[in-house]
């Protein structure tokens, strides 16, 4: 299964009782990419850019910019997708970002 299909699968809601998770990719000021999971996307991006609650990796690479995100209906689904993305090469991640911009 190609990665773009995972984004589609993980964007389907399983139940309204679970809080939505977001898998996101950030571009850091040094042009590296960071992938994470959150329940509040805007709050998390602000944390990465402004305070100590952001990841140590991004704290030294501010400002960061959101380049891709998708919804996942459970923590488990979000974790699986995050793990798959983190195992991609940078060029594969950039292709995902470009793919999103073209749709």
N, C-alpha and C. Protein backbone atom coordinates (compact mmCIF):
# COMPACT_ATOMS: atom_id res chain seq x y z
N UNK A 1 0.85 -1.18 0.00
CA UNK A 1 0.00 0.00 0.00
C UNK A 1 0.90 1.24 0.00
N UNK A 2 0.60 2.19 -0.86
CA UNK A 2 1.41 3.41 -0.91
C UNK A 2 0.99 4.35 0.22
N UNK A 3 1.89 5.22 0.59
CA UNK A 3 1.68 6.06 1.76
C UNK A 3 0.48 6.97 1.64
N UNK A 4 0.20 7.48 0.44
CA UNK A 4 -0.95 8.36 0.28
C UNK A 4 -2.25 7.63 0.61
N UNK A 5 -2.28 6.31 0.39
CA UNK A 5 -3.47 5.53 0.76
C UNK A 5 -3.62 5.47 2.28
N UNK A 6 -2.49 5.45 3.01
CA UNK A 6 -2.57 5.46 4.46
C UNK A 6 -3.21 6.76 4.97
N UNK A 7 -2.85 7.88 4.34
CA UNK A 7 -3.46 9.14 4.75
C UNK A 7 -4.97 9.07 4.59
N UNK A 8 -5.44 8.45 3.50
CA UNK A 8 -6.88 8.31 3.29
C UNK A 8 -7.50 7.39 4.33
N UNK A 9 -6.89 6.26 4.57
CA UNK A 9 -7.43 5.30 5.53
C UNK A 9 -7.50 5.90 6.92
N UNK A 10 -6.43 6.59 7.34
CA UNK A 10 -6.39 7.12 8.68
C UNK A 10 -7.23 8.37 8.87
N UNK A 11 -7.78 8.90 7.80
CA UNK A 11 -8.62 10.09 7.94
C UNK A 11 -10.09 9.73 8.17
N UNK A 12 -10.41 8.44 8.17
CA UNK A 12 -11.78 7.99 8.39
C UNK A 12 -12.05 7.94 9.89
N UNK A 13 -13.16 8.50 10.30
CA UNK A 13 -13.51 8.50 11.71
C UNK A 13 -13.98 7.12 12.14
N UNK A 14 -13.46 6.61 13.27
CA UNK A 14 -13.92 5.35 13.81
C UNK A 14 -15.11 5.56 14.73
N UNK A 15 -15.06 6.62 15.52
CA UNK A 15 -16.14 6.89 16.47
C UNK A 15 -16.03 8.33 16.95
N UNK A 16 -17.16 9.01 17.12
CA UNK A 16 -17.09 10.38 17.63
C UNK A 16 -16.68 10.45 19.09
N UNK A 17 -16.62 9.31 19.78
CA UNK A 17 -16.25 9.31 21.20
C UNK A 17 -14.75 9.50 21.41
N UNK A 18 -13.93 9.22 20.40
CA UNK A 18 -12.49 9.35 20.52
C UNK A 18 -12.09 10.75 20.07
N UNK A 19 -11.13 11.33 20.77
CA UNK A 19 -10.66 12.64 20.32
C UNK A 19 -9.78 12.45 19.09
N UNK A 20 -9.93 13.35 18.15
CA UNK A 20 -9.20 13.26 16.89
C UNK A 20 -7.72 13.52 17.14
N UNK A 21 -6.90 12.78 16.45
CA UNK A 21 -5.45 12.96 16.48
C UNK A 21 -5.01 13.49 15.12
N UNK A 22 -3.96 14.26 15.11
CA UNK A 22 -3.38 14.77 13.88
C UNK A 22 -1.93 14.30 13.78
N UNK A 23 -1.56 13.81 12.63
CA UNK A 23 -0.17 13.52 12.31
C UNK A 23 0.28 14.70 11.46
N UNK A 24 1.39 15.30 11.82
CA UNK A 24 1.80 16.51 11.13
C UNK A 24 3.28 16.47 10.79
N UNK A 25 3.62 17.22 9.76
CA UNK A 25 5.02 17.40 9.35
C UNK A 25 5.34 18.89 9.37
N UNK A 26 6.46 19.21 9.97
CA UNK A 26 6.92 20.59 10.04
C UNK A 26 8.23 20.73 9.27
N UNK A 27 8.39 21.89 8.64
CA UNK A 27 9.69 22.23 8.05
C UNK A 27 10.36 23.19 9.02
N UNK A 28 11.56 22.83 9.44
CA UNK A 28 12.31 23.65 10.39
C UNK A 28 13.13 24.70 9.65
N UNK A 29 13.65 25.67 10.39
CA UNK A 29 14.40 26.76 9.77
C UNK A 29 15.67 26.29 9.07
N UNK A 30 16.19 25.13 9.46
CA UNK A 30 17.38 24.58 8.78
C UNK A 30 17.01 23.64 7.64
N UNK A 31 15.74 23.65 7.25
CA UNK A 31 15.20 22.88 6.13
C UNK A 31 15.08 21.38 6.42
N UNK A 32 15.18 20.99 7.69
CA UNK A 32 14.90 19.60 8.05
C UNK A 32 13.40 19.45 8.28
N UNK A 33 12.94 18.20 8.33
CA UNK A 33 11.52 17.92 8.54
C UNK A 33 11.33 17.19 9.87
N UNK A 34 10.26 17.53 10.55
CA UNK A 34 9.92 16.93 11.83
C UNK A 34 8.49 16.39 11.74
N UNK A 35 8.26 15.18 12.24
CA UNK A 35 6.93 14.58 12.23
C UNK A 35 6.48 14.31 13.65
N UNK A 36 5.21 14.60 13.94
CA UNK A 36 4.68 14.38 15.27
C UNK A 36 3.19 14.11 15.26
N UNK A 37 2.64 13.93 16.46
CA UNK A 37 1.22 13.64 16.67
C UNK A 37 0.69 14.62 17.71
N UNK A 38 -0.55 15.06 17.53
CA UNK A 38 -1.19 15.95 18.51
C UNK A 38 -2.70 15.84 18.42
N UNK A 39 -3.38 16.35 19.44
CA UNK A 39 -4.84 16.45 19.39
C UNK A 39 -5.27 17.87 19.05
N UNK A 40 -4.36 18.82 19.15
CA UNK A 40 -4.65 20.23 18.86
C UNK A 40 -3.52 20.79 18.00
N UNK A 41 -3.73 20.79 16.72
CA UNK A 41 -2.67 21.11 15.76
C UNK A 41 -2.12 22.52 15.94
N UNK A 42 -2.99 23.52 16.00
CA UNK A 42 -2.51 24.90 16.11
C UNK A 42 -1.76 25.14 17.42
N UNK A 43 -2.29 24.59 18.50
CA UNK A 43 -1.62 24.73 19.80
C UNK A 43 -0.23 24.09 19.76
N UNK A 44 -0.13 22.93 19.15
CA UNK A 44 1.15 22.22 19.10
C UNK A 44 2.18 22.97 18.25
N UNK A 45 1.75 23.53 17.15
CA UNK A 45 2.68 24.31 16.32
C UNK A 45 3.17 25.53 17.10
N UNK A 46 2.26 26.18 17.81
CA UNK A 46 2.66 27.32 18.64
C UNK A 46 3.66 26.88 19.71
N UNK A 47 3.44 25.70 20.31
CA UNK A 47 4.39 25.20 21.32
C UNK A 47 5.76 24.96 20.69
N UNK A 48 5.78 24.39 19.50
CA UNK A 48 7.07 24.16 18.83
C UNK A 48 7.80 25.47 18.57
N UNK A 49 7.05 26.53 18.32
CA UNK A 49 7.67 27.81 17.98
C UNK A 49 7.95 28.73 19.15
N UNK A 50 7.31 28.50 20.30
CA UNK A 50 7.41 29.51 21.35
C UNK A 50 7.84 29.05 22.73
N UNK A 51 7.60 27.82 23.11
CA UNK A 51 7.90 27.48 24.50
C UNK A 51 8.57 26.13 24.67
N UNK A 52 8.83 25.80 25.92
CA UNK A 52 9.58 24.59 26.24
C UNK A 52 8.77 23.31 26.06
N UNK A 53 7.47 23.41 25.78
CA UNK A 53 6.66 22.22 25.55
C UNK A 53 6.86 21.64 24.16
N UNK A 54 7.48 22.39 23.27
CA UNK A 54 7.80 21.88 21.94
C UNK A 54 8.94 20.88 22.05
N UNK A 55 9.13 20.09 21.03
CA UNK A 55 10.19 19.08 21.02
C UNK A 55 11.56 19.74 21.08
N UNK A 56 12.49 19.08 21.73
CA UNK A 56 13.85 19.59 21.81
C UNK A 56 14.44 19.77 20.41
N UNK A 57 14.09 18.87 19.51
CA UNK A 57 14.60 18.94 18.14
C UNK A 57 14.21 20.26 17.48
N UNK A 58 12.95 20.65 17.63
CA UNK A 58 12.49 21.87 16.96
C UNK A 58 12.89 23.14 17.71
N UNK A 59 13.14 23.03 19.00
CA UNK A 59 13.49 24.22 19.78
C UNK A 59 14.74 24.90 19.24
N UNK A 60 15.68 24.12 18.74
CA UNK A 60 16.91 24.68 18.19
C UNK A 60 16.79 25.03 16.71
N UNK A 61 15.60 24.81 16.14
CA UNK A 61 15.43 25.00 14.69
C UNK A 61 14.21 25.87 14.37
N UNK A 62 13.93 26.82 15.24
CA UNK A 62 12.79 27.71 15.04
C UNK A 62 13.12 28.79 14.03
N UNK A 63 12.11 29.30 13.35
CA UNK A 63 10.70 28.91 13.41
C UNK A 63 10.42 27.67 12.57
N UNK A 64 9.33 26.98 12.92
CA UNK A 64 8.89 25.84 12.14
C UNK A 64 7.60 26.21 11.43
N UNK A 65 7.35 25.53 10.30
CA UNK A 65 6.17 25.79 9.49
C UNK A 65 5.48 24.47 9.19
N UNK A 66 4.17 24.46 9.31
CA UNK A 66 3.39 23.27 8.98
C UNK A 66 3.42 23.05 7.47
N UNK A 67 3.80 21.83 7.04
CA UNK A 67 3.83 21.54 5.60
C UNK A 67 2.87 20.41 5.21
N UNK A 68 2.44 19.62 6.19
CA UNK A 68 1.47 18.54 5.88
C UNK A 68 0.84 18.07 7.18
N UNK A 69 -0.45 17.76 7.12
CA UNK A 69 -1.13 17.18 8.27
C UNK A 69 -2.28 16.33 7.79
N UNK A 70 -2.69 15.40 8.62
CA UNK A 70 -3.88 14.61 8.33
C UNK A 70 -4.48 14.17 9.65
N UNK A 71 -5.75 13.85 9.61
CA UNK A 71 -6.47 13.39 10.79
C UNK A 71 -6.36 11.89 10.92
N UNK A 72 -6.28 11.43 12.14
CA UNK A 72 -6.32 9.99 12.44
C UNK A 72 -7.35 9.81 13.54
N UNK A 73 -8.13 8.78 13.45
CA UNK A 73 -9.25 8.60 14.36
C UNK A 73 -8.86 8.00 15.71
N UNK A 74 -7.63 7.55 15.85
CA UNK A 74 -7.20 6.98 17.13
C UNK A 74 -5.71 7.23 17.34
N UNK A 75 -5.28 7.11 18.56
CA UNK A 75 -3.85 7.26 18.88
C UNK A 75 -3.04 6.17 18.17
N UNK A 76 -3.59 4.97 18.15
CA UNK A 76 -2.91 3.85 17.51
C UNK A 76 -2.70 4.11 16.01
N UNK A 77 -3.74 4.56 15.33
CA UNK A 77 -3.63 4.85 13.89
C UNK A 77 -2.62 5.97 13.65
N UNK A 78 -2.65 6.99 14.49
CA UNK A 78 -1.71 8.11 14.35
C UNK A 78 -0.27 7.64 14.57
N UNK A 79 -0.06 6.80 15.57
CA UNK A 79 1.29 6.30 15.86
C UNK A 79 1.83 5.45 14.73
N UNK A 80 0.98 4.63 14.13
CA UNK A 80 1.41 3.80 13.00
C UNK A 80 1.83 4.67 11.82
N UNK A 81 1.03 5.68 11.53
CA UNK A 81 1.36 6.56 10.41
C UNK A 81 2.63 7.35 10.69
N UNK A 82 2.75 7.87 11.91
CA UNK A 82 3.95 8.63 12.28
C UNK A 82 5.19 7.75 12.11
N UNK A 83 5.14 6.53 12.56
CA UNK A 83 6.27 5.61 12.45
C UNK A 83 6.64 5.37 10.98
N UNK A 84 5.62 5.18 10.14
CA UNK A 84 5.87 4.96 8.71
C UNK A 84 6.53 6.18 8.07
N UNK A 85 6.04 7.36 8.42
CA UNK A 85 6.62 8.59 7.86
C UNK A 85 8.06 8.76 8.32
N UNK A 86 8.33 8.50 9.59
CA UNK A 86 9.68 8.68 10.12
C UNK A 86 10.70 7.73 9.48
N UNK A 87 10.23 6.65 8.90
CA UNK A 87 11.13 5.71 8.24
C UNK A 87 11.35 6.04 6.76
N UNK A 88 10.68 7.06 6.26
CA UNK A 88 10.87 7.47 4.86
C UNK A 88 12.15 8.29 4.72
N UNK A 89 12.68 8.33 3.52
CA UNK A 89 13.80 9.21 3.23
C UNK A 89 13.26 10.64 3.12
N UNK A 90 14.16 11.60 3.17
CA UNK A 90 13.73 12.98 3.04
C UNK A 90 13.08 13.22 1.68
N UNK A 91 13.62 12.62 0.63
CA UNK A 91 13.04 12.83 -0.69
C UNK A 91 11.62 12.24 -0.77
N UNK A 92 11.37 11.14 -0.10
CA UNK A 92 10.02 10.57 -0.06
C UNK A 92 9.07 11.49 0.70
N UNK A 93 9.55 12.07 1.79
CA UNK A 93 8.73 13.01 2.56
C UNK A 93 8.41 14.25 1.73
N UNK A 94 9.40 14.74 1.01
CA UNK A 94 9.17 15.91 0.16
C UNK A 94 8.16 15.60 -0.94
N UNK A 95 8.20 14.39 -1.46
CA UNK A 95 7.22 13.98 -2.47
C UNK A 95 5.82 13.97 -1.88
N UNK A 96 5.67 13.55 -0.64
CA UNK A 96 4.36 13.59 0.03
C UNK A 96 3.87 15.03 0.17
N UNK A 97 4.77 15.92 0.52
CA UNK A 97 4.40 17.33 0.67
C UNK A 97 3.97 17.90 -0.68
N UNK A 98 4.75 17.61 -1.72
CA UNK A 98 4.42 18.10 -3.06
C UNK A 98 3.11 17.50 -3.56
N UNK A 99 2.88 16.22 -3.26
CA UNK A 99 1.64 15.56 -3.66
C UNK A 99 0.43 16.27 -3.06
N UNK A 100 0.56 16.67 -1.83
CA UNK A 100 -0.54 17.35 -1.12
C UNK A 100 -0.81 18.72 -1.76
N UNK A 101 0.22 19.42 -2.16
CA UNK A 101 0.06 20.75 -2.76
C UNK A 101 -0.63 20.67 -4.12
N UNK A 102 -0.46 19.55 -4.81
CA UNK A 102 -1.04 19.40 -6.14
C UNK A 102 -2.51 18.99 -6.10
N UNK A 103 -3.00 18.54 -4.95
CA UNK A 103 -4.42 18.11 -4.87
C UNK A 103 -5.30 19.21 -4.37
